[in-house]
Amino acid sequence: MSHCRQQGKDRIIFVTKEDHEAPSSAELIADDPNDPYEDQGLILPNGDINWNCPCLGGMASGPCGEQFKSAFSCFHHSMGEVKGSECLDQFRTMQECMQRYPDLYPQDEEGEGQDPADQEPLSDLPPQDAPLAQTQGSSS
């Protein structure tokens, strides 16, 4: 027969082999159809950000979660002509936080993972694809 013991804040339940042989009588609670986070995307119907959205990849939690929320909220609510231009301080704060946790937030270096031999040299590009500075001096 099973028995329980309280140890501090924890409740320890001991069960026997016989307890495990009987089918469970636990009742599962049905999903709440009125749950505002269930089957919602990034933006909830009321316009708020759904911080539980899997699309955020867990960025809203963790050591830099508050900084992420601040920067993302600023960008989402931005009314600037260049969206998010007034959020640079928040994004800088978030980036500084992420740099303190390189194991959790690895830095992607520009060009990392690319073999330089795979990149086309600029001189081999057709004139229409070459950068403007390279084509200005040439006349055909």
C-alpha atoms as a PDB file:
ATOM      1  CA  MET A   1       0.000   0.000   0.000  1.00  0.00           C
ATOM      2  CA  SER A   2       1.301   3.465  -0.826  1.00  0.00           C
ATOM      3  CA  HIS A   3       1.902   6.166   1.732  1.00  0.00           C
ATOM      4  CA  CYS A   4       2.942   9.834   1.797  1.00  0.00           C
ATOM      5  CA  ARG A   5       5.418  11.824   3.820  1.00  0.00           C
ATOM      6  CA  GLN A   6       5.831  15.585   4.018  1.00  0.00           C
ATOM      7  CA  GLN A   7       9.451  16.755   4.008  1.00  0.00           C
ATOM      8  CA  GLY A   8       9.673  20.515   4.193  1.00  0.00           C
ATOM      9  CA  LYS A   9       7.828  21.950   1.211  1.00  0.00           C
ATOM     10  CA  ASP A  10       7.917  18.600  -0.640  1.00  0.00           C
ATOM     11  CA  ARG A  11       5.413  15.789  -0.497  1.00  0.00           C
ATOM     12  CA  ILE A  12       6.996  12.357  -1.030  1.00  0.00           C
ATOM     13  CA  ILE A  13       4.699   9.608  -2.255  1.00  0.00           C
ATOM     14  CA  PHE A  14       5.764   5.988  -1.988  1.00  0.00           C
ATOM     15  CA  VAL A  15       3.944   3.498  -4.202  1.00  0.00           C
ATOM     16  CA  THR A  16       4.071  -0.244  -4.420  1.00  0.00           C
ATOM     17  CA  LYS A  17       4.338  -2.529  -7.440  1.00  0.00           C
ATOM     18  CA  GLU A  18       0.639  -3.302  -7.024  1.00  0.00           C
ATOM     19  CA  ASP A  19      -0.173   0.427  -7.250  1.00  0.00           C
ATOM     20  CA  HIS A  20       1.512   0.552 -10.659  1.00  0.00           C
ATOM     21  CA  GLU A  21      -0.267  -2.562 -11.956  1.00  0.00           C
ATOM     22  CA  ALA A  22      -3.730  -0.995 -11.687  1.00  0.00           C
ATOM     23  CA  PRO A  23      -4.828   1.398 -14.448  1.00  0.00           C
ATOM     24  CA  SER A  24      -4.496   5.053 -13.566  1.00  0.00           C
ATOM     25  CA  SER A  25      -7.593   6.815 -12.330  1.00  0.00           C
ATOM     26  CA  ALA A  26      -6.141  10.255 -13.045  1.00  0.00           C
ATOM     27  CA  GLU A  27      -8.396  12.510 -15.073  1.00  0.00           C
ATOM     28  CA  LEU A  28      -6.831  14.692 -17.708  1.00  0.00           C
ATOM     29  CA  ILE A  29      -8.082  18.232 -17.869  1.00  0.00           C
ATOM     30  CA  ALA A  30      -9.392  19.174 -21.294  1.00  0.00           C
ATOM     31  CA  ASP A  31      -7.792  22.124 -23.050  1.00  0.00           C
ATOM     32  CA  ASP A  32      -9.538  25.380 -22.331  1.00  0.00           C
ATOM     33  CA  PRO A  33     -11.000  26.658 -25.620  1.00  0.00           C
ATOM     34  CA  ASN A  34     -10.931  30.185 -24.173  1.00  0.00           C
ATOM     35  CA  ASP A  35      -7.181  30.073 -23.425  1.00  0.00           C
ATOM     36  CA  PRO A  36      -5.856  33.223 -25.152  1.00  0.00           C
ATOM     37  CA  TYR A  37      -2.483  31.570 -25.817  1.00  0.00           C
ATOM     38  CA  GLU A  38      -3.782  28.321 -27.345  1.00  0.00           C
ATOM     39  CA  ASP A  39      -3.318  28.122 -31.119  1.00  0.00           C
ATOM     40  CA  GLN A  40      -2.386  31.773 -31.370  1.00  0.00           C
ATOM     41  CA  GLY A  41       0.407  33.250 -33.380  1.00  0.00           C
ATOM     42  CA  LEU A  42       2.841  35.948 -32.378  1.00  0.00           C
ATOM     43  CA  ILE A  43       0.166  38.611 -31.950  1.00  0.00           C
ATOM     44  CA  LEU A  44      -2.879  37.903 -29.800  1.00  0.00           C
ATOM     45  CA  PRO A  45      -6.350  39.026 -30.948  1.00  0.00           C
ATOM     46  CA  ASN A  46      -6.149  42.027 -28.604  1.00  0.00           C
ATOM     47  CA  GLY A  47      -2.879  43.165 -30.260  1.00  0.00           C
ATOM     48  CA  ASP A  48      -0.572  42.103 -27.424  1.00  0.00           C
ATOM     49  CA  ILE A  49       2.565  40.087 -28.103  1.00  0.00           C
ATOM     50  CA  ASN A  50       2.213  36.378 -27.317  1.00  0.00           C
ATOM     51  CA  TRP A  51       5.443  35.786 -25.395  1.00  0.00           C
ATOM     52  CA  ASN A  52       4.595  32.067 -25.265  1.00  0.00           C
ATOM     53  CA  CYS A  53       4.611  31.736 -29.061  1.00  0.00           C
ATOM     54  CA  PRO A  54       6.979  28.949 -30.149  1.00  0.00           C
ATOM     55  CA  CYS A  55       7.964  31.210 -33.035  1.00  0.00           C
ATOM     56  CA  LEU A  56      10.096  33.224 -30.590  1.00  0.00           C
ATOM     57  CA  GLY A  57      12.224  30.165 -29.911  1.00  0.00           C
ATOM     58  CA  GLY A  58      12.269  30.747 -26.164  1.00  0.00           C
ATOM     59  CA  MET A  59      13.971  34.136 -26.487  1.00  0.00           C
ATOM     60  CA  ALA A  60      11.451  35.713 -24.112  1.00  0.00           C
ATOM     61  CA  SER A  61      12.724  33.520 -21.278  1.00  0.00           C
ATOM     62  CA  GLY A  62      16.249  32.925 -20.085  1.00  0.00           C
ATOM     63  CA  PRO A  63      18.877  35.325 -18.808  1.00  0.00           C
ATOM     64  CA  CYS A  64      18.202  37.953 -21.501  1.00  0.00           C
ATOM     65  CA  GLY A  65      14.436  37.501 -21.700  1.00  0.00           C
ATOM     66  CA  GLU A  66      13.555  40.905 -20.270  1.00  0.00           C
ATOM     67  CA  GLN A  67      15.989  42.664 -22.612  1.00  0.00           C
ATOM     68  CA  PHE A  68      14.533  40.740 -25.560  1.00  0.00           C
ATOM     69  CA  LYS A  69      10.989  41.657 -24.546  1.00  0.00           C
ATOM     70  CA  SER A  70      11.928  45.312 -24.238  1.00  0.00           C
ATOM     71  CA  ALA A  71      13.596  45.438 -27.660  1.00  0.00           C
ATOM     72  CA  PHE A  72      10.920  43.365 -29.404  1.00  0.00           C
ATOM     73  CA  SER A  73       8.072  45.381 -27.844  1.00  0.00           C
ATOM     74  CA  CYS A  74       9.712  48.608 -28.893  1.00  0.00           C
ATOM     75  CA  PHE A  75      10.089  47.340 -32.465  1.00  0.00           C
ATOM     76  CA  HIS A  76       6.534  45.974 -32.583  1.00  0.00           C
ATOM     77  CA  HIS A  77       5.005  49.237 -31.375  1.00  0.00           C
ATOM     78  CA  SER A  78       7.378  51.434 -33.390  1.00  0.00           C
ATOM     79  CA  MET A  79       5.769  54.245 -35.339  1.00  0.00           C
ATOM     80  CA  GLY A  80       9.005  55.672 -36.721  1.00  0.00           C
ATOM     81  CA  GLU A  81       9.429  56.300 -40.422  1.00  0.00           C
ATOM     82  CA  VAL A  82      12.119  53.619 -40.294  1.00  0.00           C
ATOM     83  CA  LYS A  83      10.439  50.934 -38.158  1.00  0.00           C
ATOM     84  CA  GLY A  84      12.438  50.285 -35.008  1.00  0.00           C
ATOM     85  CA  SER A  85      14.843  53.181 -35.468  1.00  0.00           C
ATOM     86  CA  GLU A  86      13.978  54.473 -31.988  1.00  0.00           C
ATOM     87  CA  CYS A  87      14.778  51.060 -30.451  1.00  0.00           C
ATOM     88  CA  LEU A  88      18.549  51.019 -30.904  1.00  0.00           C
ATOM     89  CA  ASP A  89      19.277  51.373 -27.181  1.00  0.00           C
ATOM     90  CA  GLN A  90      17.027  48.423 -26.312  1.00  0.00           C
ATOM     91  CA  PHE A  91      18.599  46.229 -29.007  1.00  0.00           C
ATOM     92  CA  ARG A  92      22.089  47.253 -27.888  1.00  0.00           C
ATOM     93  CA  THR A  93      21.236  46.319 -24.287  1.00  0.00           C
ATOM     94  CA  MET A  94      19.876  42.968 -25.477  1.00  0.00           C
ATOM     95  CA  GLN A  95      23.000  42.312 -27.557  1.00  0.00           C
ATOM     96  CA  GLU A  96      25.286  43.168 -24.626  1.00  0.00           C
ATOM     97  CA  CYS A  97      23.350  40.728 -22.448  1.00  0.00           C
ATOM     98  CA  MET A  98      23.592  37.982 -25.068  1.00  0.00           C
ATOM     99  CA  GLN A  99      27.337  38.501 -25.367  1.00  0.00           C
ATOM    100  CA  ARG A 100      27.637  37.665 -21.661  1.00  0.00           C
ATOM    101  CA  TYR A 101      26.106  34.217 -22.380  1.00  0.00           C
ATOM    102  CA  PRO A 102      27.901  32.945 -25.506  1.00  0.00           C
ATOM    103  CA  ASP A 103      26.931  29.316 -24.805  1.00  0.00           C
ATOM    104  CA  LEU A 104      23.231  30.214 -24.879  1.00  0.00           C
ATOM    105  CA  TYR A 105      23.407  32.825 -27.622  1.00  0.00           C
ATOM    106  CA  PRO A 106      26.196  31.914 -30.094  1.00  0.00           C
ATOM    107  CA  GLN A 107      27.413  34.801 -32.214  1.00  0.00           C
ATOM    108  CA  ASP A 108      27.178  34.396 -35.978  1.00  0.00           C
ATOM    109  CA  GLU A 109      30.222  36.002 -37.487  1.00  0.00           C
ATOM    110  CA  GLU A 110      29.666  37.616 -40.882  1.00  0.00           C
ATOM    111  CA  GLY A 111      30.686  35.137 -43.524  1.00  0.00           C
ATOM    112  CA  GLU A 112      31.041  32.333 -40.968  1.00  0.00           C
ATOM    113  CA  GLY A 113      30.493  28.946 -42.532  1.00  0.00           C
ATOM    114  CA  GLN A 114      31.289  30.207 -46.013  1.00  0.00           C
ATOM    115  CA  ASP A 115      34.319  29.020 -47.881  1.00  0.00           C
ATOM    116  CA  PRO A 116      36.095  32.061 -49.396  1.00  0.00           C
ATOM    117  CA  ALA A 117      36.762  29.963 -52.519  1.00  0.00           C
ATOM    118  CA  ASP A 118      32.984  29.747 -53.035  1.00  0.00           C
ATOM    119  CA  GLN A 119      32.614  33.533 -53.180  1.00  0.00           C
ATOM    120  CA  GLU A 120      32.802  35.189 -56.581  1.00  0.00           C
ATOM    121  CA  PRO A 121      35.438  37.889 -56.972  1.00  0.00           C
ATOM    122  CA  LEU A 122      33.923  41.257 -57.912  1.00  0.00           C
ATOM    123  CA  SER A 123      35.905  41.522 -61.142  1.00  0.00           C
ATOM    124  CA  ASP A 124      34.253  38.353 -62.491  1.00  0.00           C
ATOM    125  CA  LEU A 125      30.730  39.729 -62.085  1.00  0.00           C
ATOM    126  CA  PRO A 126      28.867  40.933 -65.182  1.00  0.00           C
ATOM    127  CA  PRO A 127      28.634  44.757 -65.328  1.00  0.00           C
ATOM    128  CA  GLN A 128      24.950  44.813 -64.327  1.00  0.00           C
ATOM    129  CA  ASP A 129      25.781  42.840 -61.127  1.00  0.00           C
ATOM    130  CA  ALA A 130      28.982  44.673 -60.196  1.00  0.00           C
ATOM    131  CA  PRO A 131      28.854  47.318 -57.453  1.00  0.00           C
ATOM    132  CA  LEU A 132      28.346  50.877 -58.658  1.00  0.00           C
ATOM    133  CA  ALA A 133      31.801  52.037 -57.495  1.00  0.00           C
ATOM    134  CA  GLN A 134      33.467  49.442 -59.700  1.00  0.00           C
ATOM    135  CA  THR A 135      31.530  50.350 -62.866  1.00  0.00           C
ATOM    136  CA  GLN A 136      31.781  54.141 -62.623  1.00  0.00           C
ATOM    137  CA  GLY A 137      35.348  54.423 -63.863  1.00  0.00           C
ATOM    138  CA  SER A 138      34.919  52.154 -66.867  1.00  0.00           C
ATOM    139  CA  SER A 139      33.488  53.335 -70.152  1.00  0.00           C
ATOM    140  CA  SER A 140      32.367  51.034 -72.932  1.00  0.00           C
END
